[in-house]
């Protein structure tokens, strides 16, 4: 039987890893010559939950600058928003393009 003097107890070092927030991604709406302004406004309100005023401002930016930011989200949510927006556009026979870029 070992003596208690021979017993060595080591204390484990605990490392505290700080979790960083997930990376954010921009959902970008690209301009085209086919998709109507009314549809883009509708899509921004339906998929991205923008108010009418916000949707009109973003649509105007898309028209004037060639693209506009529909929203900034964590990756999985941004992917889902792109999918929903494109699916809605295709259902309505529009070639609207939505892109994902790192914020």
PDB file of N, CA and C in Angstrom:
ATOM      1  N   UNK A   1       0.828  -1.172   0.000  1.00  0.00           N
ATOM      2  CA  UNK A   1       0.000   0.000   0.000  1.00  0.00           C
ATOM      3  C   UNK A   1       0.881   1.246   0.000  1.00  0.00           C
ATOM      4  N   UNK A   2       0.628   2.191  -0.950  1.00  0.00           N
ATOM      5  CA  UNK A   2       1.514   3.359  -1.033  1.00  0.00           C
ATOM      6  C   UNK A   2       1.264   4.336   0.112  1.00  0.00           C
ATOM      7  N   UNK A   3       2.314   4.980   0.470  1.00  0.00           N
ATOM      8  CA  UNK A   3       2.197   6.007   1.491  1.00  0.00           C
ATOM      9  C   UNK A   3       1.582   7.256   0.869  1.00  0.00           C
ATOM     10  N   UNK A   4       0.939   8.044   1.687  1.00  0.00           N
ATOM     11  CA  UNK A   4       0.334   9.268   1.171  1.00  0.00           C
ATOM     12  C   UNK A   4       1.386  10.269   0.745  1.00  0.00           C
ATOM     13  N   UNK A   5       2.597  10.139   1.276  1.00  0.00           N
ATOM     14  CA  UNK A   5       3.681  11.034   0.880  1.00  0.00           C
ATOM     15  C   UNK A   5       4.091  10.773  -0.563  1.00  0.00           C
ATOM     16  N   UNK A   6       3.891   9.548  -1.051  1.00  0.00           N
ATOM     17  CA  UNK A   6       4.283   9.178  -2.407  1.00  0.00           C
ATOM     18  C   UNK A   6       3.227   9.585  -3.444  1.00  0.00           C
ATOM     19  N   UNK A   7       2.085   9.953  -2.994  1.00  0.00           N
ATOM     20  CA  UNK A   7       0.990  10.272  -3.883  1.00  0.00           C
ATOM     21  C   UNK A   7       1.145  11.708  -4.399  1.00  0.00           C
ATOM     22  N   UNK A   8       1.139  11.833  -5.721  1.00  0.00           N
ATOM     23  CA  UNK A   8       1.267  13.157  -6.340  1.00  0.00           C
ATOM     24  C   UNK A   8      -0.034  13.453  -7.076  1.00  0.00           C
ATOM     25  N   UNK A   9      -0.602  14.567  -6.776  1.00  0.00           N
ATOM     26  CA  UNK A   9      -1.829  14.981  -7.448  1.00  0.00           C
ATOM     27  C   UNK A   9      -1.496  16.169  -8.335  1.00  0.00           C
ATOM     28  N   UNK A  10      -1.788  15.993  -9.624  1.00  0.00           N
ATOM     29  CA  UNK A  10      -1.543  17.089 -10.559  1.00  0.00           C
ATOM     30  C   UNK A  10      -2.857  17.772 -10.886  1.00  0.00           C
ATOM     31  N   UNK A  11      -2.789  19.050 -10.857  1.00  0.00           N
ATOM     32  CA  UNK A  11      -3.982  19.808 -11.206  1.00  0.00           C
ATOM     33  C   UNK A  11      -3.942  20.095 -12.705  1.00  0.00           C
ATOM     34  N   UNK A  12      -5.032  19.755 -13.370  1.00  0.00           N
ATOM     35  CA  UNK A  12      -5.094  20.007 -14.801  1.00  0.00           C
ATOM     36  C   UNK A  12      -5.271  21.491 -15.044  1.00  0.00           C
ATOM     37  N   UNK A  13      -4.574  21.962 -16.068  1.00  0.00           N
ATOM     38  CA  UNK A  13      -4.743  23.351 -16.462  1.00  0.00           C
ATOM     39  C   UNK A  13      -5.970  23.427 -17.353  1.00  0.00           C
ATOM     40  N   UNK A  14      -6.788  24.366 -17.034  1.00  0.00           N
ATOM     41  CA  UNK A  14      -7.963  24.553 -17.883  1.00  0.00           C
ATOM     42  C   UNK A  14      -7.696  25.725 -18.811  1.00  0.00           C
ATOM     43  N   UNK A  15      -7.972  25.504 -20.046  1.00  0.00           N
ATOM     44  CA  UNK A  15      -7.804  26.588 -21.004  1.00  0.00           C
ATOM     45  C   UNK A  15      -9.170  27.120 -21.347  1.00  0.00           C
ATOM     46  N   UNK A  16      -9.253  28.391 -21.335  1.00  0.00           N
ATOM     47  CA  UNK A  16     -10.543  28.973 -21.689  1.00  0.00           C
ATOM     48  C   UNK A  16     -10.431  29.475 -23.121  1.00  0.00           C
ATOM     49  N   UNK A  17     -11.167  28.814 -23.982  1.00  0.00           N
ATOM     50  CA  UNK A  17     -11.188  29.224 -25.378  1.00  0.00           C
ATOM     51  C   UNK A  17     -12.381  30.140 -25.566  1.00  0.00           C
ATOM     52  N   UNK A  18     -12.093  31.299 -26.085  1.00  0.00           N
ATOM     53  CA  UNK A  18     -13.177  32.221 -26.349  1.00  0.00           C
ATOM     54  C   UNK A  18     -13.774  31.867 -27.702  1.00  0.00           C
ATOM     55  N   UNK A  19     -15.069  31.746 -27.703  1.00  0.00           N
ATOM     56  CA  UNK A  19     -15.750  31.483 -28.957  1.00  0.00           C
ATOM     57  C   UNK A  19     -15.933  32.802 -29.689  1.00  0.00           C
ATOM     58  N   UNK A  20     -15.599  32.790 -30.945  1.00  0.00           N
ATOM     59  CA  UNK A  20     -15.811  34.004 -31.716  1.00  0.00           C
ATOM     60  C   UNK A  20     -17.154  33.896 -32.428  1.00  0.00           C
ATOM     61  N   UNK A  21     -17.791  35.014 -32.625  1.00  0.00           N
ATOM     62  CA  UNK A  21     -19.090  34.964 -33.297  1.00  0.00           C
ATOM     63  C   UNK A  21     -18.924  34.458 -34.724  1.00  0.00           C
ATOM     64  N   UNK A  22     -19.962  33.848 -35.272  1.00  0.00           N
ATOM     65  CA  UNK A  22     -19.840  33.321 -36.629  1.00  0.00           C
ATOM     66  C   UNK A  22     -19.608  34.437 -37.634  1.00  0.00           C
ATOM     67  N   UNK A  23     -18.912  34.111 -38.709  1.00  0.00           N
ATOM     68  CA  UNK A  23     -18.674  35.087 -39.767  1.00  0.00           C
ATOM     69  C   UNK A  23     -19.999  35.504 -40.374  1.00  0.00           C
ATOM     70  N   UNK A  24     -20.038  36.724 -40.819  1.00  0.00           N
ATOM     71  CA  UNK A  24     -21.252  37.250 -41.441  1.00  0.00           C
ATOM     72  C   UNK A  24     -21.064  37.302 -42.956  1.00  0.00           C
ATOM     73  N   UNK A  25     -22.162  37.133 -43.657  1.00  0.00           N
ATOM     74  CA  UNK A  25     -22.145  37.147 -45.114  1.00  0.00           C
ATOM     75  C   UNK A  25     -23.227  38.083 -45.635  1.00  0.00           C
ATOM     76  N   UNK A  26     -22.879  38.827 -46.694  1.00  0.00           N
ATOM     77  CA  UNK A  26     -23.830  39.721 -47.343  1.00  0.00           C
ATOM     78  C   UNK A  26     -24.593  38.945 -48.402  1.00  0.00           C
ATOM     79  N   UNK A  27     -25.880  39.188 -48.476  1.00  0.00           N
ATOM     80  CA  UNK A  27     -26.679  38.695 -49.590  1.00  0.00           C
ATOM     81  C   UNK A  27     -26.838  39.880 -50.535  1.00  0.00           C
ATOM     82  N   UNK A  28     -26.296  39.731 -51.738  1.00  0.00           N
ATOM     83  CA  UNK A  28     -26.269  40.809 -52.716  1.00  0.00           C
ATOM     84  C   UNK A  28     -27.262  40.516 -53.829  1.00  0.00           C
ATOM     85  N   UNK A  29     -28.103  41.488 -54.131  1.00  0.00           N
ATOM     86  CA  UNK A  29     -29.048  41.390 -55.238  1.00  0.00           C
ATOM     87  C   UNK A  29     -28.392  42.054 -56.446  1.00  0.00           C
ATOM     88  N   UNK A  30     -28.335  41.319 -57.566  1.00  0.00           N
ATOM     89  CA  UNK A  30     -27.701  41.832 -58.782  1.00  0.00           C
ATOM     90  C   UNK A  30     -28.752  42.346 -59.760  1.00  0.00           C
ATOM     91  N   UNK A  31     -28.423  43.432 -60.435  1.00  0.00           N
ATOM     92  CA  UNK A  31     -29.331  44.028 -61.404  1.00  0.00           C
ATOM     93  C   UNK A  31     -29.364  43.199 -62.687  1.00  0.00           C
ATOM     94  N   UNK A  32     -30.516  43.178 -63.333  1.00  0.00           N
ATOM     95  CA  UNK A  32     -30.639  42.598 -64.666  1.00  0.00           C
ATOM     96  C   UNK A  32     -31.672  43.419 -65.428  1.00  0.00           C
ATOM     97  N   UNK A  33     -31.809  43.154 -66.699  1.00  0.00           N
ATOM     98  CA  UNK A  33     -32.721  43.941 -67.527  1.00  0.00           C
ATOM     99  C   UNK A  33     -34.100  43.301 -67.676  1.00  0.00           C
ATOM    100  N   UNK A  34     -34.375  42.238 -66.942  1.00  0.00           N
ATOM    101  CA  UNK A  34     -35.626  41.509 -67.092  1.00  0.00           C
ATOM    102  C   UNK A  34     -36.491  41.588 -65.834  1.00  0.00           C
ATOM    103  N   UNK A  35     -35.901  41.384 -64.672  1.00  0.00           N
ATOM    104  CA  UNK A  35     -36.653  41.350 -63.422  1.00  0.00           C
ATOM    105  C   UNK A  35     -37.252  42.721 -63.134  1.00  0.00           C
ATOM    106  N   UNK A  36     -38.531  42.750 -62.822  1.00  0.00           N
ATOM    107  CA  UNK A  36     -39.200  44.032 -62.597  1.00  0.00           C
ATOM    108  C   UNK A  36     -38.880  44.604 -61.218  1.00  0.00           C
ATOM    109  N   UNK A  37     -39.001  45.911 -61.125  1.00  0.00           N
ATOM    110  CA  UNK A  37     -38.802  46.610 -59.855  1.00  0.00           C
ATOM    111  C   UNK A  37     -39.820  46.111 -58.835  1.00  0.00           C
ATOM    112  N   UNK A  38     -41.055  45.965 -59.274  1.00  0.00           N
ATOM    113  CA  UNK A  38     -42.108  45.493 -58.367  1.00  0.00           C
ATOM    114  C   UNK A  38     -41.778  44.127 -57.780  1.00  0.00           C
ATOM    115  N   UNK A  39     -41.224  43.247 -58.616  1.00  0.00           N
ATOM    116  CA  UNK A  39     -40.883  41.917 -58.099  1.00  0.00           C
ATOM    117  C   UNK A  39     -39.746  41.998 -57.082  1.00  0.00           C
ATOM    118  N   UNK A  40     -38.732  42.791 -57.372  1.00  0.00           N
ATOM    119  CA  UNK A  40     -37.591  42.905 -56.441  1.00  0.00           C
ATOM    120  C   UNK A  40     -38.072  43.447 -55.098  1.00  0.00           C
ATOM    121  N   UNK A  41     -38.927  44.459 -55.130  1.00  0.00           N
ATOM    122  CA  UNK A  41     -39.488  45.008 -53.888  1.00  0.00           C
ATOM    123  C   UNK A  41     -40.260  43.917 -53.151  1.00  0.00           C
ATOM    124  N   UNK A  42     -41.092  43.190 -53.871  1.00  0.00           N
ATOM    125  CA  UNK A  42     -41.873  42.105 -53.269  1.00  0.00           C
ATOM    126  C   UNK A  42     -40.954  41.040 -52.651  1.00  0.00           C
ATOM    127  N   UNK A  43     -39.917  40.644 -53.382  1.00  0.00           N
ATOM    128  CA  UNK A  43     -38.979  39.626 -52.889  1.00  0.00           C
ATOM    129  C   UNK A  43     -38.260  40.115 -51.626  1.00  0.00           C
ATOM    130  N   UNK A  44     -37.844  41.364 -51.615  1.00  0.00           N
ATOM    131  CA  UNK A  44     -37.147  41.904 -50.444  1.00  0.00           C
ATOM    132  C   UNK A  44     -38.060  41.957 -49.216  1.00  0.00           C
ATOM    133  N   UNK A  45     -39.325  42.239 -49.452  1.00  0.00           N
ATOM    134  CA  UNK A  45     -40.276  42.280 -48.337  1.00  0.00           C
ATOM    135  C   UNK A  45     -40.625  40.865 -47.865  1.00  0.00           C
ATOM    136  N   UNK A  46     -40.784  39.952 -48.800  1.00  0.00           N
ATOM    137  CA  UNK A  46     -41.207  38.589 -48.477  1.00  0.00           C
ATOM    138  C   UNK A  46     -40.085  37.752 -47.873  1.00  0.00           C
ATOM    139  N   UNK A  47     -38.943  37.723 -48.546  1.00  0.00           N
ATOM    140  CA  UNK A  47     -37.842  36.844 -48.122  1.00  0.00           C
ATOM    141  C   UNK A  47     -36.994  37.485 -47.025  1.00  0.00           C
ATOM    142  N   UNK A  48     -36.761  38.798 -47.143  1.00  0.00           N
ATOM    143  CA  UNK A  48     -35.839  39.463 -46.225  1.00  0.00           C
ATOM    144  C   UNK A  48     -36.541  40.294 -45.146  1.00  0.00           C
ATOM    145  N   UNK A  49     -37.873  40.294 -45.164  1.00  0.00           N
ATOM    146  CA  UNK A  49     -38.671  40.985 -44.147  1.00  0.00           C
ATOM    147  C   UNK A  49     -38.396  42.483 -44.048  1.00  0.00           C
ATOM    148  N   UNK A  50     -38.083  43.114 -45.186  1.00  0.00           N
ATOM    149  CA  UNK A  50     -37.879  44.560 -45.195  1.00  0.00           C
ATOM    150  C   UNK A  50     -39.228  45.265 -45.273  1.00  0.00           C
ATOM    151  N   UNK A  51     -39.265  46.466 -44.741  1.00  0.00           N
ATOM    152  CA  UNK A  51     -40.456  47.297 -44.907  1.00  0.00           C
ATOM    153  C   UNK A  51     -40.509  47.761 -46.361  1.00  0.00           C
ATOM    154  N   UNK A  52     -41.633  48.296 -46.760  1.00  0.00           N
ATOM    155  CA  UNK A  52     -41.773  48.806 -48.126  1.00  0.00           C
ATOM    156  C   UNK A  52     -40.722  49.873 -48.416  1.00  0.00           C
ATOM    157  N   UNK A  53     -40.503  50.764 -47.488  1.00  0.00           N
ATOM    158  CA  UNK A  53     -39.528  51.848 -47.674  1.00  0.00           C
ATOM    159  C   UNK A  53     -38.108  51.296 -47.837  1.00  0.00           C
ATOM    160  N   UNK A  54     -37.737  50.340 -46.984  1.00  0.00           N
ATOM    161  CA  UNK A  54     -36.404  49.735 -47.083  1.00  0.00           C
ATOM    162  C   UNK A  54     -36.248  48.987 -48.403  1.00  0.00           C
ATOM    163  N   UNK A  55     -37.275  48.248 -48.787  1.00  0.00           N
ATOM    164  CA  UNK A  55     -37.219  47.473 -50.026  1.00  0.00           C
ATOM    165  C   UNK A  55     -37.056  48.393 -51.235  1.00  0.00           C
ATOM    166  N   UNK A  56     -37.750  49.518 -51.234  1.00  0.00           N
ATOM    167  CA  UNK A  56     -37.627  50.479 -52.337  1.00  0.00           C
ATOM    168  C   UNK A  56     -36.222  51.066 -52.382  1.00  0.00           C
ATOM    169  N   UNK A  57     -35.647  51.389 -51.226  1.00  0.00           N
ATOM    170  CA  UNK A  57     -34.280  51.943 -51.181  1.00  0.00           C
ATOM    171  C   UNK A  57     -33.264  50.942 -51.712  1.00  0.00           C
ATOM    172  N   UNK A  58     -33.388  49.694 -51.305  1.00  0.00           N
ATOM    173  CA  UNK A  58     -32.446  48.660 -51.776  1.00  0.00           C
ATOM    174  C   UNK A  58     -32.614  48.447 -53.273  1.00  0.00           C
ATOM    175  N   UNK A  59     -33.865  48.399 -53.743  1.00  0.00           N
ATOM    176  CA  UNK A  59     -34.142  48.213 -55.173  1.00  0.00           C
ATOM    177  C   UNK A  59     -33.567  49.367 -55.984  1.00  0.00           C
ATOM    178  N   UNK A  60     -33.675  50.556 -55.463  1.00  0.00           N
ATOM    179  CA  UNK A  60     -33.102  51.722 -56.144  1.00  0.00           C
ATOM    180  C   UNK A  60     -31.579  51.606 -56.216  1.00  0.00           C
ATOM    181  N   UNK A  61     -30.951  51.157 -55.142  1.00  0.00           N
ATOM    182  CA  UNK A  61     -29.501  50.951 -55.145  1.00  0.00           C
ATOM    183  C   UNK A  61     -29.112  49.895 -56.183  1.00  0.00           C
ATOM    184  N   UNK A  62     -29.903  48.828 -56.269  1.00  0.00           N
ATOM    185  CA  UNK A  62     -29.632  47.783 -57.261  1.00  0.00           C
ATOM    186  C   UNK A  62     -29.695  48.384 -58.659  1.00  0.00           C
ATOM    187  N   UNK A  63     -30.705  49.174 -58.916  1.00  0.00           N
ATOM    188  CA  UNK A  63     -30.891  49.781 -60.234  1.00  0.00           C
ATOM    189  C   UNK A  63     -29.768  50.767 -60.569  1.00  0.00           C
ATOM    190  N   UNK A  64     -29.399  51.606 -59.616  1.00  0.00           N
ATOM    191  CA  UNK A  64     -28.405  52.651 -59.861  1.00  0.00           C
ATOM    192  C   UNK A  64     -26.965  52.149 -59.829  1.00  0.00           C
ATOM    193  N   UNK A  65     -26.670  51.183 -58.954  1.00  0.00           N
ATOM    194  CA  UNK A  65     -25.290  50.738 -58.751  1.00  0.00           C
ATOM    195  C   UNK A  65     -24.987  49.366 -59.340  1.00  0.00           C
ATOM    196  N   UNK A  66     -26.001  48.680 -59.823  1.00  0.00           N
ATOM    197  CA  UNK A  66     -25.795  47.340 -60.369  1.00  0.00           C
ATOM    198  C   UNK A  66     -25.968  46.238 -59.348  1.00  0.00           C
ATOM    199  N   UNK A  67     -25.978  46.603 -58.063  1.00  0.00           N
ATOM    200  CA  UNK A  67     -26.217  45.617 -57.001  1.00  0.00           C
ATOM    201  C   UNK A  67     -26.564  46.347 -55.714  1.00  0.00           C
ATOM    202  N   UNK A  68     -27.159  45.600 -54.799  1.00  0.00           N
ATOM    203  CA  UNK A  68     -27.512  46.161 -53.502  1.00  0.00           C
ATOM    204  C   UNK A  68     -27.530  45.064 -52.460  1.00  0.00           C
ATOM    205  N   UNK A  69     -27.319  45.429 -51.224  1.00  0.00           N
ATOM    206  CA  UNK A  69     -27.249  44.451 -50.140  1.00  0.00           C
ATOM    207  C   UNK A  69     -28.641  44.249 -49.551  1.00  0.00           C
ATOM    208  N   UNK A  70     -29.120  43.010 -49.653  1.00  0.00           N
ATOM    209  CA  UNK A  70     -30.434  42.667 -49.110  1.00  0.00           C
ATOM    210  C   UNK A  70     -30.357  42.426 -47.610  1.00  0.00           C
ATOM    211  N   UNK A  71     -29.203  41.967 -47.127  1.00  0.00           N
ATOM    212  CA  UNK A  71     -29.040  41.704 -45.703  1.00  0.00           C
ATOM    213  C   UNK A  71     -27.695  41.090 -45.397  1.00  0.00           C
ATOM    214  N   UNK A  72     -27.353  41.053 -44.122  1.00  0.00           N
ATOM    215  CA  UNK A  72     -26.102  40.465 -43.644  1.00  0.00           C
ATOM    216  C   UNK A  72     -26.461  39.463 -42.562  1.00  0.00           C
ATOM    217  N   UNK A  73     -26.013  38.218 -42.756  1.00  0.00           N
ATOM    218  CA  UNK A  73     -26.428  37.110 -41.893  1.00  0.00           C
ATOM    219  C   UNK A  73     -25.277  36.137 -41.658  1.00  0.00           C
ATOM    220  N   UNK A  74     -25.415  35.258 -40.649  1.00  0.00           N
ATOM    221  CA  UNK A  74     -24.499  34.117 -40.550  1.00  0.00           C
ATOM    222  C   UNK A  74     -24.648  33.263 -41.812  1.00  0.00           C
ATOM    223  N   UNK A  75     -23.627  32.495 -42.127  1.00  0.00           N
ATOM    224  CA  UNK A  75     -23.555  31.775 -43.406  1.00  0.00           C
ATOM    225  C   UNK A  75     -24.791  30.944 -43.731  1.00  0.00           C
ATOM    226  N   UNK A  76     -25.241  30.119 -42.810  1.00  0.00           N
ATOM    227  CA  UNK A  76     -26.366  29.225 -43.106  1.00  0.00           C
ATOM    228  C   UNK A  76     -27.645  30.000 -43.400  1.00  0.00           C
ATOM    229  N   UNK A  77     -27.870  31.063 -42.671  1.00  0.00           N
ATOM    230  CA  UNK A  77     -29.071  31.872 -42.896  1.00  0.00           C
ATOM    231  C   UNK A  77     -28.957  32.599 -44.232  1.00  0.00           C
ATOM    232  N   UNK A  78     -27.772  33.135 -44.523  1.00  0.00           N
ATOM    233  CA  UNK A  78     -27.559  33.816 -45.808  1.00  0.00           C
ATOM    234  C   UNK A  78     -27.794  32.859 -46.973  1.00  0.00           C
ATOM    235  N   UNK A  79     -27.295  31.631 -46.858  1.00  0.00           N
ATOM    236  CA  UNK A  79     -27.523  30.631 -47.908  1.00  0.00           C
ATOM    237  C   UNK A  79     -29.014  30.365 -48.092  1.00  0.00           C
ATOM    238  N   UNK A  80     -29.734  30.249 -47.006  1.00  0.00           N
ATOM    239  CA  UNK A  80     -31.169  29.985 -47.081  1.00  0.00           C
ATOM    240  C   UNK A  80     -31.902  31.149 -47.740  1.00  0.00           C
ATOM    241  N   UNK A  81     -31.509  32.378 -47.400  1.00  0.00           N
ATOM    242  CA  UNK A  81     -32.145  33.561 -47.999  1.00  0.00           C
ATOM    243  C   UNK A  81     -31.880  33.609 -49.503  1.00  0.00           C
ATOM    244  N   UNK A  82     -30.664  33.292 -49.919  1.00  0.00           N
ATOM    245  CA  UNK A  82     -30.341  33.254 -51.350  1.00  0.00           C
ATOM    246  C   UNK A  82     -31.222  32.215 -52.035  1.00  0.00           C
ATOM    247  N   UNK A  83     -31.311  31.042 -51.450  1.00  0.00           N
ATOM    248  CA  UNK A  83     -32.118  29.973 -52.027  1.00  0.00           C
ATOM    249  C   UNK A  83     -33.582  30.410 -52.164  1.00  0.00           C
ATOM    250  N   UNK A  84     -34.140  30.972 -51.100  1.00  0.00           N
ATOM    251  CA  UNK A  84     -35.539  31.390 -51.122  1.00  0.00           C
ATOM    252  C   UNK A  84     -35.789  32.495 -52.152  1.00  0.00           C
ATOM    253  N   UNK A  85     -34.860  33.463 -52.226  1.00  0.00           N
ATOM    254  CA  UNK A  85     -35.018  34.562 -53.187  1.00  0.00           C
ATOM    255  C   UNK A  85     -34.948  34.080 -54.618  1.00  0.00           C
ATOM    256  N   UNK A  86     -33.989  33.213 -54.920  1.00  0.00           N
ATOM    257  CA  UNK A  86     -33.841  32.685 -56.272  1.00  0.00           C
ATOM    258  C   UNK A  86     -35.021  31.785 -56.625  1.00  0.00           C
ATOM    259  N   UNK A  87     -35.449  30.971 -55.685  1.00  0.00           N
ATOM    260  CA  UNK A  87     -36.597  30.094 -55.916  1.00  0.00           C
ATOM    261  C   UNK A  87     -37.854  30.915 -56.229  1.00  0.00           C
ATOM    262  N   UNK A  88     -38.073  31.988 -55.486  1.00  0.00           N
ATOM    263  CA  UNK A  88     -39.213  32.855 -55.733  1.00  0.00           C
ATOM    264  C   UNK A  88     -39.106  33.505 -57.112  1.00  0.00           C
ATOM    265  N   UNK A  89     -37.904  33.926 -57.476  1.00  0.00           N
ATOM    266  CA  UNK A  89     -37.695  34.538 -58.794  1.00  0.00           C
ATOM    267  C   UNK A  89     -37.971  33.531 -59.909  1.00  0.00           C
ATOM    268  N   UNK A  90     -37.459  32.327 -59.785  1.00  0.00           N
ATOM    269  CA  UNK A  90     -37.662  31.315 -60.832  1.00  0.00           C
ATOM    270  C   UNK A  90     -39.136  30.934 -60.945  1.00  0.00           C
ATOM    271  N   UNK A  91     -39.812  30.831 -59.832  1.00  0.00           N
ATOM    272  CA  UNK A  91     -41.242  30.522 -59.832  1.00  0.00           C
ATOM    273  C   UNK A  91     -42.019  31.587 -60.605  1.00  0.00           C
ATOM    274  N   UNK A  92     -41.537  32.839 -60.538  1.00  0.00           N
ATOM    275  CA  UNK A  92     -42.185  33.941 -61.232  1.00  0.00           C
ATOM    276  C   UNK A  92     -41.530  34.259 -62.575  1.00  0.00           C
ATOM    277  N   UNK A  93     -40.667  33.339 -63.044  1.00  0.00           N
ATOM    278  CA  UNK A  93     -40.037  33.433 -64.376  1.00  0.00           C
ATOM    279  C   UNK A  93     -39.081  34.623 -64.526  1.00  0.00           C
ATOM    280  N   UNK A  94     -38.374  34.964 -63.436  1.00  0.00           N
ATOM    281  CA  UNK A  94     -37.381  36.027 -63.495  1.00  0.00           C
ATOM    282  C   UNK A  94     -35.981  35.440 -63.316  1.00  0.00           C
ATOM    283  N   UNK A  95     -34.989  36.016 -64.018  1.00  0.00           N
ATOM    284  CA  UNK A  95     -33.609  35.508 -63.912  1.00  0.00           C
ATOM    285  C   UNK A  95     -32.788  36.160 -62.800  1.00  0.00           C
ATOM    286  N   UNK A  96     -33.436  36.683 -61.785  1.00  0.00           N
ATOM    287  CA  UNK A  96     -32.761  37.427 -60.721  1.00  0.00           C
ATOM    288  C   UNK A  96     -31.611  36.604 -60.127  1.00  0.00           C
ATOM    289  N   UNK A  97     -30.490  37.276 -59.901  1.00  0.00           N
ATOM    290  CA  UNK A  97     -29.308  36.635 -59.315  1.00  0.00           C
ATOM    291  C   UNK A  97     -29.063  37.231 -57.933  1.00  0.00           C
ATOM    292  N   UNK A  98     -28.886  36.354 -56.952  1.00  0.00           N
ATOM    293  CA  UNK A  98     -28.499  36.739 -55.596  1.00  0.00           C
ATOM    294  C   UNK A  98     -27.157  36.084 -55.321  1.00  0.00           C
ATOM    295  N   UNK A  99     -26.239  36.840 -54.752  1.00  0.00           N
ATOM    296  CA  UNK A  99     -24.900  36.320 -54.449  1.00  0.00           C
ATOM    297  C   UNK A  99     -24.610  36.429 -52.966  1.00  0.00           C
ATOM    298  N   UNK A 100     -23.685  35.593 -52.533  1.00  0.00           N
ATOM    299  CA  UNK A 100     -23.233  35.579 -51.151  1.00  0.00           C
ATOM    300  C   UNK A 100     -21.779  36.049 -51.131  1.00  0.00           C
ATOM    301  N   UNK A 101     -21.480  37.071 -50.342  1.00  0.00           N
ATOM    302  CA  UNK A 101     -20.098  37.526 -50.194  1.00  0.00           C
ATOM    303  C   UNK A 101     -19.806  37.703 -48.707  1.00  0.00           C
ATOM    304  N   UNK A 102     -18.568  37.483 -48.331  1.00  0.00           N
ATOM    305  CA  UNK A 102     -18.202  37.648 -46.928  1.00  0.00           C
ATOM    306  C   UNK A 102     -18.252  39.118 -46.546  1.00  0.00           C
ATOM    307  N   UNK A 103     -18.852  39.389 -45.401  1.00  0.00           N
ATOM    308  CA  UNK A 103     -19.014  40.783 -44.951  1.00  0.00           C
ATOM    309  C   UNK A 103     -17.725  41.327 -44.371  1.00  0.00           C
TER     310      UNK A 103
END
